[in-house]
């Protein structure tokens, strides 16, 4: 059953409305760990496939500050490891935490870069000056 998320009451000056979630494979192993608030875990984002069935979306822990959620997210990603860097099973593109909004840095092949630059030069005579 889908969990309802409401903004939690404030504890001092820190709002505790964040949570850490995981997307599960059929065998129950996680393939993605994330931090969110509201309905983030249930919405499409990035290139990660959101499970079709809500029983494969697990809210690991909620009622967190944003900093607490970042730290737990980072810890879990480190624990399970990432597929893209051959350290584990997760499809995460980053190690999580603050600054992870800058997704995977994919270097374009040089011929594509040259082609793109030449296209912009044709459109704007001031390009590159």
C-alpha atoms as a PDB file:
ATOM      1  CA  UNK A   1       0.000   0.000   0.000  1.00  0.00           C
ATOM      2  CA  UNK A   2       1.271   3.442  -0.874  1.00  0.00           C
ATOM      3  CA  UNK A   3       2.465   5.413   2.102  1.00  0.00           C
ATOM      4  CA  UNK A   4       1.048   8.894   2.518  1.00  0.00           C
ATOM      5  CA  UNK A   5       3.612  11.618   3.112  1.00  0.00           C
ATOM      6  CA  UNK A   6       2.752  14.790   4.936  1.00  0.00           C
ATOM      7  CA  UNK A   7       5.146  17.437   6.052  1.00  0.00           C
ATOM      8  CA  UNK A   8       6.164  16.423   9.547  1.00  0.00           C
ATOM      9  CA  UNK A   9       6.035  18.886  12.393  1.00  0.00           C
ATOM     10  CA  UNK A  10       9.191  20.860  12.983  1.00  0.00           C
ATOM     11  CA  UNK A  11      11.627  19.808  15.672  1.00  0.00           C
ATOM     12  CA  UNK A  12      13.327  23.053  16.632  1.00  0.00           C
ATOM     13  CA  UNK A  13      14.352  24.743  13.379  1.00  0.00           C
ATOM     14  CA  UNK A  14      14.924  21.487  11.490  1.00  0.00           C
ATOM     15  CA  UNK A  15      12.062  20.135   9.412  1.00  0.00           C
ATOM     16  CA  UNK A  16      12.057  16.357   9.398  1.00  0.00           C
ATOM     17  CA  UNK A  17      10.208  15.666   6.177  1.00  0.00           C
ATOM     18  CA  UNK A  18      12.802  13.631   4.252  1.00  0.00           C
ATOM     19  CA  UNK A  19      13.132   9.888   3.827  1.00  0.00           C
ATOM     20  CA  UNK A  20      15.412   7.309   2.224  1.00  0.00           C
ATOM     21  CA  UNK A  21      13.890   4.754  -0.129  1.00  0.00           C
ATOM     22  CA  UNK A  22      14.889   1.787  -2.252  1.00  0.00           C
ATOM     23  CA  UNK A  23      13.561   0.209  -5.439  1.00  0.00           C
ATOM     24  CA  UNK A  24      13.545  -3.580  -5.286  1.00  0.00           C
ATOM     25  CA  UNK A  25      14.048  -6.252  -7.926  1.00  0.00           C
ATOM     26  CA  UNK A  26      11.749  -9.280  -8.074  1.00  0.00           C
ATOM     27  CA  UNK A  27      14.203 -11.210  -5.885  1.00  0.00           C
ATOM     28  CA  UNK A  28      14.000  -8.490  -3.204  1.00  0.00           C
ATOM     29  CA  UNK A  29      17.464  -7.024  -3.751  1.00  0.00           C
ATOM     30  CA  UNK A  30      17.664  -3.246  -4.171  1.00  0.00           C
ATOM     31  CA  UNK A  31      18.568  -1.721  -7.523  1.00  0.00           C
ATOM     32  CA  UNK A  32      18.303   1.945  -6.533  1.00  0.00           C
ATOM     33  CA  UNK A  33      18.661   3.943  -3.296  1.00  0.00           C
ATOM     34  CA  UNK A  34      17.350   7.495  -3.096  1.00  0.00           C
ATOM     35  CA  UNK A  35      16.520  10.400  -0.797  1.00  0.00           C
ATOM     36  CA  UNK A  36      13.223  12.170  -1.127  1.00  0.00           C
ATOM     37  CA  UNK A  37      10.318  14.061   0.317  1.00  0.00           C
ATOM     38  CA  UNK A  38       6.678  14.082  -0.646  1.00  0.00           C
ATOM     39  CA  UNK A  39       5.939  11.504  -3.344  1.00  0.00           C
ATOM     40  CA  UNK A  40       9.444  11.490  -4.845  1.00  0.00           C
ATOM     41  CA  UNK A  41       9.866   7.722  -4.465  1.00  0.00           C
ATOM     42  CA  UNK A  42       6.741   7.110  -6.549  1.00  0.00           C
ATOM     43  CA  UNK A  43       7.458   9.554  -9.407  1.00  0.00           C
ATOM     44  CA  UNK A  44       9.598   9.079 -12.505  1.00  0.00           C
ATOM     45  CA  UNK A  45      12.990  10.744 -12.254  1.00  0.00           C
ATOM     46  CA  UNK A  46      16.296  10.609 -14.109  1.00  0.00           C
ATOM     47  CA  UNK A  47      16.875   7.416 -16.085  1.00  0.00           C
ATOM     48  CA  UNK A  48      15.878   5.095 -13.251  1.00  0.00           C
ATOM     49  CA  UNK A  49      12.908   2.824 -13.837  1.00  0.00           C
ATOM     50  CA  UNK A  50      10.325   3.287 -11.075  1.00  0.00           C
ATOM     51  CA  UNK A  51       8.841  -0.097 -10.114  1.00  0.00           C
ATOM     52  CA  UNK A  52       5.422  -0.760 -11.583  1.00  0.00           C
ATOM     53  CA  UNK A  53       4.142  -2.128  -8.278  1.00  0.00           C
ATOM     54  CA  UNK A  54       4.335  -0.106  -5.078  1.00  0.00           C
ATOM     55  CA  UNK A  55       5.280  -3.179  -3.048  1.00  0.00           C
ATOM     56  CA  UNK A  56       8.701  -2.925  -4.728  1.00  0.00           C
ATOM     57  CA  UNK A  57       9.196   0.592  -3.363  1.00  0.00           C
ATOM     58  CA  UNK A  58      10.415   0.469   0.207  1.00  0.00           C
ATOM     59  CA  UNK A  59      10.677   3.511   2.456  1.00  0.00           C
ATOM     60  CA  UNK A  60      13.670   2.485   4.538  1.00  0.00           C
ATOM     61  CA  UNK A  61      13.454   5.305   7.073  1.00  0.00           C
ATOM     62  CA  UNK A  62      11.502   8.554   7.250  1.00  0.00           C
ATOM     63  CA  UNK A  63      11.092  11.552   9.551  1.00  0.00           C
ATOM     64  CA  UNK A  64      14.627  12.734   8.726  1.00  0.00           C
ATOM     65  CA  UNK A  65      16.275  16.092   8.217  1.00  0.00           C
ATOM     66  CA  UNK A  66      17.744  16.566   4.751  1.00  0.00           C
ATOM     67  CA  UNK A  67      21.294  16.146   6.071  1.00  0.00           C
ATOM     68  CA  UNK A  68      20.382  12.909   7.864  1.00  0.00           C
ATOM     69  CA  UNK A  69      18.737  11.573   4.697  1.00  0.00           C
ATOM     70  CA  UNK A  70      21.837  12.423   2.622  1.00  0.00           C
ATOM     71  CA  UNK A  71      24.121  10.606   5.060  1.00  0.00           C
ATOM     72  CA  UNK A  72      21.965   7.466   5.160  1.00  0.00           C
ATOM     73  CA  UNK A  73      21.612   7.488   1.356  1.00  0.00           C
ATOM     74  CA  UNK A  74      25.413   7.723   0.965  1.00  0.00           C
ATOM     75  CA  UNK A  75      25.979   4.964   3.509  1.00  0.00           C
ATOM     76  CA  UNK A  76      23.560   2.566   1.795  1.00  0.00           C
ATOM     77  CA  UNK A  77      24.939   3.258  -1.684  1.00  0.00           C
ATOM     78  CA  UNK A  78      28.427   2.576  -0.365  1.00  0.00           C
ATOM     79  CA  UNK A  79      27.210  -0.635   1.315  1.00  0.00           C
ATOM     80  CA  UNK A  80      25.549  -2.074  -1.828  1.00  0.00           C
ATOM     81  CA  UNK A  81      27.938  -0.548  -4.379  1.00  0.00           C
ATOM     82  CA  UNK A  82      27.188   0.705  -7.898  1.00  0.00           C
ATOM     83  CA  UNK A  83      27.005  -1.158 -11.194  1.00  0.00           C
ATOM     84  CA  UNK A  84      28.511   1.668 -13.250  1.00  0.00           C
ATOM     85  CA  UNK A  85      31.820   1.561 -11.390  1.00  0.00           C
ATOM     86  CA  UNK A  86      31.817  -2.220 -10.785  1.00  0.00           C
ATOM     87  CA  UNK A  87      31.528  -1.957  -7.000  1.00  0.00           C
ATOM     88  CA  UNK A  88      28.097  -3.517  -6.509  1.00  0.00           C
ATOM     89  CA  UNK A  89      24.466  -3.982  -7.527  1.00  0.00           C
ATOM     90  CA  UNK A  90      22.869  -0.513  -7.602  1.00  0.00           C
ATOM     91  CA  UNK A  91      21.943   1.461 -10.716  1.00  0.00           C
ATOM     92  CA  UNK A  92      22.692   4.772  -8.952  1.00  0.00           C
ATOM     93  CA  UNK A  93      24.899   7.101 -11.007  1.00  0.00           C
ATOM     94  CA  UNK A  94      26.483   8.823  -8.001  1.00  0.00           C
ATOM     95  CA  UNK A  95      27.546   8.049  -4.449  1.00  0.00           C
ATOM     96  CA  UNK A  96      24.603  10.088  -3.147  1.00  0.00           C
ATOM     97  CA  UNK A  97      24.624  12.970  -0.726  1.00  0.00           C
ATOM     98  CA  UNK A  98      24.856  16.688  -1.399  1.00  0.00           C
ATOM     99  CA  UNK A  99      26.172  17.558  -4.804  1.00  0.00           C
ATOM    100  CA  UNK A 100      24.934  14.347  -6.358  1.00  0.00           C
ATOM    101  CA  UNK A 101      22.490  16.318  -8.486  1.00  0.00           C
ATOM    102  CA  UNK A 102      25.358  16.557 -10.984  1.00  0.00           C
ATOM    103  CA  UNK A 103      24.745  13.273 -12.668  1.00  0.00           C
ATOM    104  CA  UNK A 104      27.173  10.941 -14.290  1.00  0.00           C
ATOM    105  CA  UNK A 105      29.818  12.808 -16.243  1.00  0.00           C
ATOM    106  CA  UNK A 106      29.761  11.267 -19.702  1.00  0.00           C
ATOM    107  CA  UNK A 107      32.563  12.452 -21.957  1.00  0.00           C
ATOM    108  CA  UNK A 108      31.407  13.003 -25.523  1.00  0.00           C
ATOM    109  CA  UNK A 109      33.592  11.558 -28.275  1.00  0.00           C
ATOM    110  CA  UNK A 110      35.762  14.221 -29.934  1.00  0.00           C
ATOM    111  CA  UNK A 111      34.092  13.959 -33.406  1.00  0.00           C
ATOM    112  CA  UNK A 112      30.685  14.702 -31.869  1.00  0.00           C
ATOM    113  CA  UNK A 113      32.069  17.712 -29.997  1.00  0.00           C
ATOM    114  CA  UNK A 114      33.601  19.108 -33.211  1.00  0.00           C
ATOM    115  CA  UNK A 115      30.355  18.579 -35.142  1.00  0.00           C
ATOM    116  CA  UNK A 116      28.298  20.293 -32.424  1.00  0.00           C
ATOM    117  CA  UNK A 117      30.695  23.262 -32.295  1.00  0.00           C
ATOM    118  CA  UNK A 118      30.642  23.680 -36.086  1.00  0.00           C
ATOM    119  CA  UNK A 119      26.831  23.664 -36.023  1.00  0.00           C
ATOM    120  CA  UNK A 120      26.772  26.484 -33.453  1.00  0.00           C
ATOM    121  CA  UNK A 121      29.347  28.485 -35.428  1.00  0.00           C
ATOM    122  CA  UNK A 122      27.032  28.426 -38.435  1.00  0.00           C
ATOM    123  CA  UNK A 123      24.122  29.690 -36.326  1.00  0.00           C
ATOM    124  CA  UNK A 124      25.972  32.446 -34.488  1.00  0.00           C
ATOM    125  CA  UNK A 125      28.829  34.403 -36.031  1.00  0.00           C
ATOM    126  CA  UNK A 126      29.898  35.495 -32.499  1.00  0.00           C
ATOM    127  CA  UNK A 127      30.275  31.895 -31.246  1.00  0.00           C
ATOM    128  CA  UNK A 128      33.729  31.221 -29.827  1.00  0.00           C
ATOM    129  CA  UNK A 129      34.833  34.876 -29.862  1.00  0.00           C
END
